[in-house]
Protein backbone atom coordinates (compact mmCIF):
# COMPACT_ATOMS: atom_id res chain seq x y z
CA MET A 1 -13.61 23.79 2.78
CA GLN A 2 -11.82 22.14 -0.13
CA ASP A 3 -10.41 24.03 -3.12
CA VAL A 4 -10.73 21.10 -5.55
CA VAL A 5 -12.37 17.69 -5.85
CA VAL A 6 -10.42 15.01 -7.72
CA ILE A 7 -12.78 12.38 -9.11
CA GLY A 8 -11.06 9.10 -9.88
CA VAL A 9 -7.69 8.33 -8.37
CA GLY A 10 -5.94 6.35 -11.08
CA LEU A 11 -2.58 7.54 -12.35
CA ALA A 12 -4.02 10.81 -13.68
CA GLY A 13 -5.94 11.52 -10.46
CA LEU A 14 -2.90 10.68 -8.32
CA SER A 15 -0.78 13.01 -10.46
CA ALA A 16 -3.37 15.77 -10.08
CA ALA A 17 -3.51 15.25 -6.31
CA VAL A 18 0.28 15.47 -6.02
CA GLY A 19 0.30 18.70 -8.03
CA LEU A 20 -2.51 20.18 -5.96
CA ALA A 21 -0.79 19.28 -2.71
CA ASP A 22 2.50 20.76 -3.94
CA ALA A 23 0.64 23.96 -4.83
CA GLY A 24 -0.76 24.15 -1.28
CA LEU A 25 -4.36 23.56 -2.34
CA ARG A 26 -6.81 21.56 -0.27
CA PHE A 27 -8.57 18.77 -2.11
CA THR A 28 -10.79 15.76 -1.68
CA ALA A 29 -10.02 12.70 -3.80
CA LEU A 30 -12.95 10.39 -4.60
CA GLU A 31 -12.42 6.84 -5.85
CA ALA A 32 -15.13 4.21 -6.42
CA ALA A 33 -12.74 1.26 -6.26
CA GLU A 34 -11.38 -0.26 -3.05
CA ARG A 35 -7.84 0.88 -3.85
CA LEU A 36 -6.09 3.77 -5.55
CA GLY A 37 -4.10 3.55 -8.79
CA GLY A 38 -6.71 2.64 -11.39
CA ARG A 39 -5.40 -0.04 -13.73
CA ALA A 40 -1.91 0.16 -12.25
CA SER A 41 -1.68 -2.63 -9.69
CA SER A 42 -0.18 -6.02 -8.95
CA TRP A 43 -1.52 -9.51 -8.38
CA THR A 44 0.08 -12.74 -7.25
CA ASP A 45 0.09 -15.70 -9.61
CA GLN A 46 -1.32 -18.57 -7.55
CA ALA A 47 0.67 -21.23 -9.43
CA THR A 48 4.11 -19.62 -9.18
CA GLY A 49 3.78 -17.11 -6.35
CA ASP A 50 5.24 -14.45 -8.66
CA VAL A 51 4.00 -10.88 -8.31
CA VAL A 52 2.72 -9.67 -11.68
CA ASP A 53 2.53 -5.93 -12.25
CA ILE A 54 -0.15 -4.53 -14.53
CA GLY A 55 -0.78 -1.01 -15.74
CA PRO A 56 1.70 0.95 -17.85
CA HIS A 57 3.67 -1.77 -19.60
CA VAL A 58 6.12 0.58 -21.22
CA MET A 59 7.87 3.34 -19.33
CA ARG A 60 10.13 5.31 -21.63
CA THR A 61 12.58 7.97 -20.56
CA GLU A 62 10.63 10.44 -22.72
CA TYR A 63 7.68 10.23 -20.25
CA CYS A 64 9.11 13.08 -18.19
CA ASN A 65 5.84 14.00 -16.46
CA MET A 66 5.24 10.46 -15.22
CA LEU A 67 8.86 10.14 -14.13
CA ALA A 68 8.58 13.46 -12.28
CA VAL A 69 5.55 12.16 -10.36
CA LEU A 70 7.43 8.98 -9.49
CA ASP A 71 10.37 11.11 -8.31
CA ARG A 72 8.03 13.25 -6.19
CA LEU A 73 6.48 10.12 -4.62
CA GLY A 74 9.88 8.52 -4.06
CA THR A 75 9.04 5.47 -6.15
CA ARG A 76 11.08 5.98 -9.32
CA ASP A 77 13.71 3.52 -8.10
CA LEU A 78 11.05 0.79 -8.23
CA ILE A 79 11.04 0.95 -12.05
CA HIS A 80 13.41 -1.61 -13.52
CA ALA A 81 14.65 -1.63 -17.11
CA ALA A 82 13.88 -4.70 -19.14
CA ALA A 83 16.72 -6.79 -20.45
CA PRO A 84 17.76 -5.73 -23.98
CA HIS A 85 16.04 -8.72 -25.60
CA GLN A 86 12.75 -7.79 -23.87
CA ARG A 87 12.60 -4.16 -24.96
CA PRO A 88 9.83 -3.13 -27.38
CA GLY A 89 10.98 -2.31 -30.87
CA ARG A 90 14.18 -4.31 -30.55
CA LEU A 91 15.34 -5.74 -33.84
CA ASP A 92 17.98 -8.44 -33.56
CA PRO A 93 20.16 -7.78 -35.44
CA PRO A 94 19.20 -4.12 -35.97
CA ARG A 95 17.80 -3.50 -39.45
CA HIS A 96 17.59 0.27 -39.57
CA ALA A 97 19.71 3.28 -38.83
CA SER A 98 18.50 3.78 -35.27
CA GLU A 99 20.27 0.54 -34.23
CA GLY A 100 17.39 -1.37 -32.70
CA ARG A 101 15.46 1.57 -31.34
CA PRO A 102 11.80 1.95 -32.30
CA PRO A 103 11.39 4.11 -35.40
CA ARG A 104 10.20 7.68 -34.83
CA ARG A 105 6.48 7.66 -35.52
CA PRO A 106 3.69 9.92 -34.30
CA ALA A 107 1.67 8.68 -31.29
CA PRO A 108 0.10 6.19 -30.89
CA ARG A 109 2.33 4.28 -33.31
CA THR A 110 5.63 4.92 -31.57
CA LEU A 111 6.24 1.20 -31.02
CA THR A 112 4.95 -0.23 -34.30
CA PRO A 113 7.38 -2.01 -36.59
CA ALA A 114 8.90 -0.05 -39.48
């Protein structure tokens, strides 16, 4: 007998499943798609052969819960920082006191221009 049923195994469902497993609970995870991960996936560009990742396009160090899940799964080292000129909110040259960092704004406008 299962303790919990997780419906949908995108990032939130995967995170829930990891937490349930860590707590020693038995669960069944149900996913309608052929693969797990929801919108987070990769595809290969046929013209270039490059692997293109889709899903969360911005991973900030403030996303401690997501980073904790990646640590738990052993995949955090697969996240690579963008070059400085590719980072969201970068102003070149910086035009405000935070020296090129995105201005502090309430969600969901954390990356909008000042």
